[in-house]
Amino acid sequence: MNKYEKSEAAIAALTPEQFRVTQQDGTERPGTGQYLANKEPGVYVDIVSGEPLFASSDKFDSGCGWPSFTKPITPVYVQELVDDSLGMRRTEVRSASGDSHLGHVFNDGPQERGGLRYCINSASLKFIHRNDMESEGYGEYLDQVEEIG
């Protein structure tokens, strides 16, 4: 059994903005997300299911107005789907169990780190600080979180 699941209780606890982004494929306005400037060490998990999605050590400032990451912490929890909306072809990123809309992935990220930019809405994320990862059940990912200088 998967320990990360979408539940009606989790959906009901979302703010209107979190609901719009995760459940209705919305996008928060650029520059407004609560995690855009976050430089603390930890992991970013799906606000709905708790699936571990991205590590702080893979976050970078892309200048696009949304938190950006070079890769998922555990690829099995991140689905990539073709998105033909808005008259263009993009690759949508969703959480696997939570089925939350997270954002999109582009191939204009740092070349030395794989070349990908996962452009993610803060409203789809919950941040777990490194100091709380063990007690919150994310201790197995501590080795992927490094001190940010």
N, C-alpha and C. Protein backbone atom coordinates (compact mmCIF):
# COMPACT_ATOMS: atom_id res chain seq x y z
N MET A 1 0.84 -1.20 0.00
CA MET A 1 0.00 0.00 0.00
C MET A 1 0.88 1.25 0.00
N ASN A 2 0.52 2.20 -0.79
CA ASN A 2 1.24 3.46 -0.89
C ASN A 2 0.91 4.32 0.33
N LYS A 3 1.94 4.82 1.01
CA LYS A 3 1.68 5.65 2.20
C LYS A 3 1.29 7.07 1.83
N TYR A 4 1.43 7.43 0.56
CA TYR A 4 1.05 8.77 0.10
C TYR A 4 -0.22 8.65 -0.73
N GLU A 5 -1.31 9.23 -0.24
CA GLU A 5 -2.58 9.13 -0.95
C GLU A 5 -3.34 10.43 -0.90
N LYS A 6 -4.14 10.63 -1.91
CA LYS A 6 -5.06 11.77 -1.98
C LYS A 6 -6.25 11.43 -1.10
N SER A 7 -6.70 12.39 -0.29
CA SER A 7 -7.87 12.14 0.54
C SER A 7 -8.80 13.34 0.48
N GLU A 8 -10.07 13.07 0.74
CA GLU A 8 -11.05 14.15 0.76
C GLU A 8 -10.71 15.16 1.86
N ALA A 9 -10.18 14.67 2.98
CA ALA A 9 -9.81 15.57 4.08
C ALA A 9 -8.70 16.52 3.66
N ALA A 10 -7.72 15.99 2.94
CA ALA A 10 -6.62 16.83 2.47
C ALA A 10 -7.13 17.87 1.47
N ILE A 11 -8.02 17.48 0.60
CA ILE A 11 -8.59 18.41 -0.39
C ILE A 11 -9.39 19.51 0.35
N ALA A 12 -10.17 19.10 1.33
CA ALA A 12 -11.00 20.05 2.08
C ALA A 12 -10.17 21.06 2.87
N ALA A 13 -8.93 20.69 3.22
CA ALA A 13 -8.06 21.57 4.01
C ALA A 13 -7.30 22.59 3.16
N LEU A 14 -7.39 22.47 1.83
CA LEU A 14 -6.67 23.39 0.95
C LEU A 14 -7.25 24.79 1.01
N THR A 15 -6.40 25.78 0.85
CA THR A 15 -6.87 27.15 0.70
C THR A 15 -7.49 27.26 -0.70
N PRO A 16 -8.27 28.31 -0.97
CA PRO A 16 -8.81 28.46 -2.32
C PRO A 16 -7.72 28.48 -3.40
N GLU A 17 -6.60 29.13 -3.14
CA GLU A 17 -5.51 29.18 -4.13
C GLU A 17 -4.88 27.80 -4.32
N GLN A 18 -4.65 27.07 -3.24
CA GLN A 18 -4.10 25.72 -3.35
C GLN A 18 -5.05 24.81 -4.13
N PHE A 19 -6.35 24.94 -3.88
CA PHE A 19 -7.35 24.14 -4.60
C PHE A 19 -7.32 24.48 -6.09
N ARG A 20 -7.32 25.77 -6.41
CA ARG A 20 -7.33 26.21 -7.80
C ARG A 20 -6.11 25.67 -8.55
N VAL A 21 -4.95 25.73 -7.92
CA VAL A 21 -3.72 25.28 -8.58
C VAL A 21 -3.68 23.76 -8.69
N THR A 22 -3.88 23.05 -7.58
CA THR A 22 -3.68 21.59 -7.58
C THR A 22 -4.83 20.82 -8.21
N GLN A 23 -6.06 21.26 -8.01
CA GLN A 23 -7.22 20.50 -8.46
C GLN A 23 -7.81 21.00 -9.77
N GLN A 24 -7.54 22.28 -10.12
CA GLN A 24 -8.12 22.86 -11.34
C GLN A 24 -7.03 23.28 -12.33
N ASP A 25 -5.82 22.75 -12.15
CA ASP A 25 -4.70 23.00 -13.06
C ASP A 25 -4.38 24.48 -13.21
N GLY A 26 -4.49 25.21 -12.12
CA GLY A 26 -4.22 26.64 -12.15
C GLY A 26 -2.74 26.96 -12.05
N THR A 27 -2.43 28.24 -12.16
CA THR A 27 -1.06 28.73 -12.03
C THR A 27 -1.10 29.97 -11.15
N GLU A 28 -0.23 30.00 -10.14
CA GLU A 28 -0.17 31.20 -9.32
C GLU A 28 0.54 32.30 -10.09
N ARG A 29 0.26 33.54 -9.75
CA ARG A 29 0.90 34.66 -10.44
C ARG A 29 2.41 34.61 -10.21
N PRO A 30 3.22 34.90 -11.22
CA PRO A 30 4.67 34.87 -11.03
C PRO A 30 5.11 35.83 -9.94
N GLY A 31 6.08 35.39 -9.17
CA GLY A 31 6.64 36.23 -8.11
C GLY A 31 5.84 36.26 -6.83
N THR A 32 4.74 35.51 -6.75
CA THR A 32 3.87 35.58 -5.57
C THR A 32 3.96 34.36 -4.66
N GLY A 33 4.56 33.29 -5.10
CA GLY A 33 4.58 32.05 -4.33
C GLY A 33 5.40 32.14 -3.05
N GLN A 34 4.90 31.51 -2.00
CA GLN A 34 5.55 31.60 -0.70
C GLN A 34 6.93 30.94 -0.65
N TYR A 35 7.22 30.02 -1.58
CA TYR A 35 8.51 29.32 -1.54
C TYR A 35 9.51 29.84 -2.58
N LEU A 36 9.14 30.85 -3.33
CA LEU A 36 10.02 31.36 -4.38
C LEU A 36 11.39 31.74 -3.82
N ALA A 37 11.43 32.45 -2.72
CA ALA A 37 12.70 32.93 -2.17
C ALA A 37 13.21 32.05 -1.02
N ASN A 38 12.55 30.94 -0.75
CA ASN A 38 12.97 30.07 0.36
C ASN A 38 14.34 29.46 0.07
N LYS A 39 15.28 29.66 0.99
CA LYS A 39 16.61 29.10 0.84
C LYS A 39 16.95 28.14 1.98
N GLU A 40 15.96 27.77 2.76
CA GLU A 40 16.17 26.87 3.88
C GLU A 40 16.38 25.43 3.38
N PRO A 41 17.15 24.61 4.13
CA PRO A 41 17.34 23.21 3.73
C PRO A 41 16.13 22.36 4.11
N GLY A 42 15.72 21.49 3.19
CA GLY A 42 14.58 20.62 3.46
C GLY A 42 14.05 20.00 2.18
N VAL A 43 12.84 19.45 2.28
CA VAL A 43 12.19 18.86 1.12
C VAL A 43 10.84 19.53 0.89
N TYR A 44 10.43 19.51 -0.36
CA TYR A 44 9.14 20.03 -0.77
C TYR A 44 8.27 18.83 -1.11
N VAL A 45 7.10 18.76 -0.49
CA VAL A 45 6.20 17.62 -0.68
C VAL A 45 4.87 18.11 -1.24
N ASP A 46 4.10 17.18 -1.81
CA ASP A 46 2.78 17.50 -2.36
C ASP A 46 1.86 17.93 -1.23
N ILE A 47 1.23 19.06 -1.36
CA ILE A 47 0.32 19.61 -0.35
C ILE A 47 -0.87 18.67 -0.10
N VAL A 48 -1.23 17.85 -1.08
CA VAL A 48 -2.38 16.96 -0.97
C VAL A 48 -2.00 15.60 -0.39
N SER A 49 -0.97 14.96 -0.95
CA SER A 49 -0.64 13.58 -0.57
C SER A 49 0.57 13.44 0.33
N GLY A 50 1.40 14.46 0.40
CA GLY A 50 2.64 14.36 1.17
C GLY A 50 3.78 13.68 0.43
N GLU A 51 3.57 13.34 -0.85
CA GLU A 51 4.64 12.70 -1.62
C GLU A 51 5.87 13.61 -1.67
N PRO A 52 7.07 13.06 -1.41
CA PRO A 52 8.29 13.87 -1.50
C PRO A 52 8.59 14.17 -2.97
N LEU A 53 8.69 15.45 -3.29
CA LEU A 53 8.82 15.86 -4.69
C LEU A 53 10.20 16.42 -5.03
N PHE A 54 10.66 17.40 -4.27
CA PHE A 54 11.91 18.09 -4.60
C PHE A 54 12.72 18.39 -3.34
N ALA A 55 14.05 18.39 -3.49
CA ALA A 55 14.95 18.71 -2.39
C ALA A 55 15.47 20.13 -2.55
N SER A 56 15.73 20.78 -1.42
CA SER A 56 16.26 22.14 -1.45
C SER A 56 17.59 22.20 -2.20
N SER A 57 18.37 21.13 -2.15
CA SER A 57 19.67 21.12 -2.83
C SER A 57 19.53 21.14 -4.35
N ASP A 58 18.33 20.85 -4.88
CA ASP A 58 18.08 20.89 -6.32
C ASP A 58 17.33 22.14 -6.75
N LYS A 59 17.08 23.07 -5.81
CA LYS A 59 16.36 24.31 -6.11
C LYS A 59 17.37 25.33 -6.62
N PHE A 60 16.96 26.13 -7.60
CA PHE A 60 17.82 27.20 -8.10
C PHE A 60 16.97 28.39 -8.52
N ASP A 61 17.61 29.55 -8.60
CA ASP A 61 16.91 30.76 -9.00
C ASP A 61 16.97 30.89 -10.51
N SER A 62 15.85 30.59 -11.16
CA SER A 62 15.80 30.62 -12.63
C SER A 62 15.38 32.00 -13.14
N GLY A 63 14.84 32.83 -12.25
CA GLY A 63 14.36 34.14 -12.66
C GLY A 63 12.99 34.11 -13.33
N CYS A 64 12.32 32.95 -13.32
CA CYS A 64 11.04 32.82 -14.02
C CYS A 64 9.84 33.25 -13.18
N GLY A 65 10.03 33.42 -11.87
CA GLY A 65 8.93 33.84 -11.02
C GLY A 65 8.27 32.72 -10.23
N TRP A 66 8.74 31.50 -10.40
CA TRP A 66 8.24 30.35 -9.65
C TRP A 66 9.43 29.56 -9.11
N PRO A 67 9.24 28.82 -8.03
CA PRO A 67 10.33 27.96 -7.56
C PRO A 67 10.75 26.99 -8.68
N SER A 68 12.05 26.85 -8.86
CA SER A 68 12.57 25.99 -9.92
C SER A 68 13.53 24.96 -9.34
N PHE A 69 13.45 23.75 -9.88
CA PHE A 69 14.26 22.63 -9.42
C PHE A 69 14.87 21.93 -10.62
N THR A 70 16.03 21.28 -10.42
CA THR A 70 16.69 20.59 -11.53
C THR A 70 16.20 19.17 -11.72
N LYS A 71 15.65 18.56 -10.65
CA LYS A 71 15.15 17.19 -10.76
C LYS A 71 14.26 16.86 -9.57
N PRO A 72 13.40 15.85 -9.73
CA PRO A 72 12.59 15.39 -8.59
C PRO A 72 13.47 14.63 -7.60
N ILE A 73 13.09 14.65 -6.34
CA ILE A 73 13.83 13.91 -5.32
C ILE A 73 13.70 12.40 -5.54
N THR A 74 12.50 11.96 -5.92
CA THR A 74 12.23 10.56 -6.25
C THR A 74 11.32 10.57 -7.48
N PRO A 75 11.88 10.29 -8.66
CA PRO A 75 11.10 10.43 -9.91
C PRO A 75 9.78 9.67 -9.93
N VAL A 76 9.65 8.58 -9.19
CA VAL A 76 8.41 7.80 -9.23
C VAL A 76 7.21 8.62 -8.73
N TYR A 77 7.45 9.65 -7.94
CA TYR A 77 6.35 10.46 -7.40
C TYR A 77 5.95 11.62 -8.30
N VAL A 78 6.66 11.81 -9.42
CA VAL A 78 6.38 12.92 -10.32
C VAL A 78 6.04 12.37 -11.71
N GLN A 79 4.84 12.70 -12.18
CA GLN A 79 4.40 12.29 -13.51
C GLN A 79 4.57 13.44 -14.48
N GLU A 80 4.96 13.13 -15.70
CA GLU A 80 5.08 14.14 -16.75
C GLU A 80 4.09 13.81 -17.86
N LEU A 81 3.23 14.77 -18.18
CA LEU A 81 2.17 14.57 -19.16
C LEU A 81 2.22 15.66 -20.22
N VAL A 82 1.80 15.34 -21.44
CA VAL A 82 1.72 16.33 -22.51
C VAL A 82 0.58 17.30 -22.20
N ASP A 83 0.87 18.59 -22.31
CA ASP A 83 -0.12 19.64 -22.07
C ASP A 83 -0.18 20.51 -23.33
N ASP A 84 -1.29 20.43 -24.06
CA ASP A 84 -1.48 21.20 -25.28
C ASP A 84 -2.35 22.44 -25.06
N SER A 85 -2.55 22.83 -23.81
CA SER A 85 -3.40 24.00 -23.53
C SER A 85 -2.67 25.30 -23.90
N LEU A 86 -3.41 26.35 -23.96
CA LEU A 86 -2.91 27.69 -24.26
C LEU A 86 -2.20 27.79 -25.60
N GLY A 87 -2.56 26.90 -26.53
CA GLY A 87 -2.02 26.97 -27.88
C GLY A 87 -0.55 26.59 -28.01
N MET A 88 -0.02 25.89 -27.01
CA MET A 88 1.38 25.47 -27.09
C MET A 88 1.53 24.08 -26.48
N ARG A 89 2.60 23.40 -26.84
CA ARG A 89 2.87 22.07 -26.27
C ARG A 89 3.90 22.22 -25.16
N ARG A 90 3.48 21.80 -23.96
CA ARG A 90 4.37 21.82 -22.80
C ARG A 90 4.29 20.47 -22.12
N THR A 91 5.16 20.26 -21.13
CA THR A 91 5.12 19.05 -20.34
C THR A 91 4.66 19.41 -18.94
N GLU A 92 3.46 18.97 -18.61
CA GLU A 92 2.89 19.21 -17.29
C GLU A 92 3.51 18.25 -16.28
N VAL A 93 3.66 18.72 -15.05
CA VAL A 93 4.18 17.91 -13.96
C VAL A 93 3.07 17.75 -12.92
N ARG A 94 2.76 16.49 -12.55
CA ARG A 94 1.73 16.18 -11.55
C ARG A 94 2.31 15.22 -10.53
N SER A 95 1.80 15.25 -9.31
CA SER A 95 2.20 14.25 -8.32
C SER A 95 1.51 12.94 -8.68
N ALA A 96 2.20 11.83 -8.46
CA ALA A 96 1.70 10.52 -8.90
C ALA A 96 0.45 10.08 -8.13
N SER A 97 0.52 10.03 -6.80
CA SER A 97 -0.63 9.57 -6.01
C SER A 97 -1.63 10.68 -5.74
N GLY A 98 -1.15 11.87 -5.46
CA GLY A 98 -2.04 12.99 -5.16
C GLY A 98 -2.74 13.54 -6.39
N ASP A 99 -2.18 13.29 -7.58
CA ASP A 99 -2.69 13.80 -8.84
C ASP A 99 -2.84 15.31 -8.80
N SER A 100 -1.97 15.98 -8.06
CA SER A 100 -1.98 17.44 -7.98
C SER A 100 -1.23 18.03 -9.16
N HIS A 101 -1.79 19.08 -9.75
CA HIS A 101 -1.06 19.85 -10.75
C HIS A 101 0.04 20.60 -10.00
N LEU A 102 1.30 20.40 -10.43
CA LEU A 102 2.44 21.04 -9.78
C LEU A 102 2.99 22.21 -10.59
N GLY A 103 3.04 22.03 -11.91
CA GLY A 103 3.62 23.05 -12.78
C GLY A 103 4.02 22.41 -14.09
N HIS A 104 5.17 22.83 -14.63
CA HIS A 104 5.65 22.31 -15.91
C HIS A 104 7.16 22.12 -15.84
N VAL A 105 7.67 21.29 -16.73
CA VAL A 105 9.12 21.09 -16.84
C VAL A 105 9.57 21.57 -18.22
N PHE A 106 10.70 22.27 -18.24
CA PHE A 106 11.26 22.82 -19.47
C PHE A 106 12.72 22.38 -19.60
N ASN A 107 13.25 22.46 -20.81
CA ASN A 107 14.63 22.01 -21.02
C ASN A 107 15.61 23.17 -21.06
N ASP A 108 15.33 24.23 -20.31
CA ASP A 108 16.23 25.39 -20.27
C ASP A 108 16.87 25.59 -18.89
N GLY A 109 17.03 24.49 -18.16
CA GLY A 109 17.66 24.56 -16.85
C GLY A 109 19.18 24.54 -16.96
N PRO A 110 19.87 24.56 -15.83
CA PRO A 110 21.34 24.56 -15.83
C PRO A 110 21.90 23.31 -16.51
N GLN A 111 22.65 23.50 -17.58
CA GLN A 111 23.19 22.37 -18.34
C GLN A 111 24.06 21.46 -17.48
N GLU A 112 24.84 22.05 -16.58
CA GLU A 112 25.74 21.26 -15.74
C GLU A 112 24.99 20.40 -14.71
N ARG A 113 23.69 20.64 -14.57
CA ARG A 113 22.87 19.88 -13.63
C ARG A 113 21.76 19.11 -14.34
N GLY A 114 21.95 18.83 -15.62
CA GLY A 114 21.00 18.02 -16.37
C GLY A 114 20.16 18.75 -17.38
N GLY A 115 20.12 20.09 -17.31
CA GLY A 115 19.42 20.87 -18.32
C GLY A 115 17.92 21.05 -18.14
N LEU A 116 17.36 20.54 -17.05
CA LEU A 116 15.91 20.67 -16.85
C LEU A 116 15.59 21.75 -15.83
N ARG A 117 14.39 22.35 -16.02
CA ARG A 117 13.87 23.33 -15.07
C ARG A 117 12.44 22.92 -14.74
N TYR A 118 12.26 22.37 -13.55
CA TYR A 118 10.92 22.06 -13.05
C TYR A 118 10.38 23.34 -12.43
N CYS A 119 9.44 23.95 -13.11
CA CYS A 119 8.85 25.24 -12.73
C CYS A 119 7.57 24.91 -11.94
N ILE A 120 7.61 25.10 -10.62
CA ILE A 120 6.59 24.54 -9.73
C ILE A 120 5.86 25.63 -8.95
N ASN A 121 4.55 25.51 -8.86
CA ASN A 121 3.73 26.44 -8.07
C ASN A 121 3.94 26.19 -6.58
N SER A 122 4.23 27.24 -5.82
CA SER A 122 4.33 27.11 -4.37
C SER A 122 3.04 26.58 -3.77
N ALA A 123 1.90 26.94 -4.36
CA ALA A 123 0.60 26.54 -3.82
C ALA A 123 0.39 25.03 -3.85
N SER A 124 1.19 24.30 -4.61
CA SER A 124 1.05 22.85 -4.67
C SER A 124 2.01 22.15 -3.70
N LEU A 125 2.81 22.93 -2.99
CA LEU A 125 3.86 22.37 -2.15
C LEU A 125 3.67 22.65 -0.67
N LYS A 126 4.26 21.78 0.13
CA LYS A 126 4.44 22.01 1.56
C LYS A 126 5.92 21.79 1.82
N PHE A 127 6.55 22.71 2.52
CA PHE A 127 7.98 22.61 2.80
C PHE A 127 8.20 21.97 4.16
N ILE A 128 9.07 20.97 4.21
CA ILE A 128 9.45 20.32 5.46
C ILE A 128 10.92 20.66 5.71
N HIS A 129 11.18 21.45 6.74
CA HIS A 129 12.55 21.86 7.06
C HIS A 129 13.39 20.64 7.46
N ARG A 130 14.67 20.69 7.12
CA ARG A 130 15.58 19.58 7.44
C ARG A 130 15.46 19.16 8.90
N ASN A 131 15.33 20.10 9.82
CA ASN A 131 15.24 19.78 11.25
C ASN A 131 13.99 18.97 11.60
N ASP A 132 12.97 19.01 10.74
CA ASP A 132 11.71 18.31 11.00
C ASP A 132 11.52 17.07 10.13
N MET A 133 12.44 16.82 9.22
CA MET A 133 12.24 15.74 8.26
C MET A 133 12.11 14.37 8.92
N GLU A 134 12.95 14.10 9.90
CA GLU A 134 12.89 12.79 10.58
C GLU A 134 11.54 12.61 11.26
N SER A 135 11.11 13.59 12.04
CA SER A 135 9.85 13.46 12.78
C SER A 135 8.62 13.47 11.87
N GLU A 136 8.73 14.07 10.69
CA GLU A 136 7.61 14.13 9.74
C GLU A 136 7.58 12.93 8.79
N GLY A 137 8.57 12.01 8.92
CA GLY A 137 8.58 10.80 8.11
C GLY A 137 9.38 10.88 6.82
N TYR A 138 10.25 11.88 6.71
CA TYR A 138 11.06 12.04 5.50
C TYR A 138 12.55 11.86 5.77
N GLY A 139 12.89 11.17 6.85
CA GLY A 139 14.29 10.97 7.23
C GLY A 139 15.12 10.28 6.17
N GLU A 140 14.50 9.43 5.37
CA GLU A 140 15.26 8.71 4.34
C GLU A 140 15.81 9.64 3.26
N TYR A 141 15.33 10.88 3.22
CA TYR A 141 15.80 11.84 2.20
C TYR A 141 16.81 12.84 2.75
N LEU A 142 17.20 12.71 4.01
CA LEU A 142 18.15 13.64 4.61
C LEU A 142 19.46 13.72 3.83
N ASP A 143 19.90 12.61 3.25
CA ASP A 143 21.15 12.61 2.49
C ASP A 143 21.05 13.41 1.19
N GLN A 144 19.84 13.78 0.79
CA GLN A 144 19.66 14.57 -0.43
C GLN A 144 19.46 16.06 -0.13
N VAL A 145 19.53 16.40 1.15
CA VAL A 145 19.36 17.79 1.56
C VAL A 145 20.68 18.26 2.13
N GLU A 146 21.24 19.28 1.51
CA GLU A 146 22.52 19.80 1.98
C GLU A 146 22.35 21.22 2.48
N GLU A 147 23.31 21.66 3.24
CA GLU A 147 23.31 23.02 3.73
C GLU A 147 23.39 23.98 2.55
N ILE A 148 22.55 24.99 2.53
CA ILE A 148 22.58 25.99 1.47
C ILE A 148 23.37 27.18 1.99
N GLY A 149 24.40 27.57 1.24
CA GLY A 149 25.31 28.63 1.70
C GLY A 149 24.79 30.01 1.60
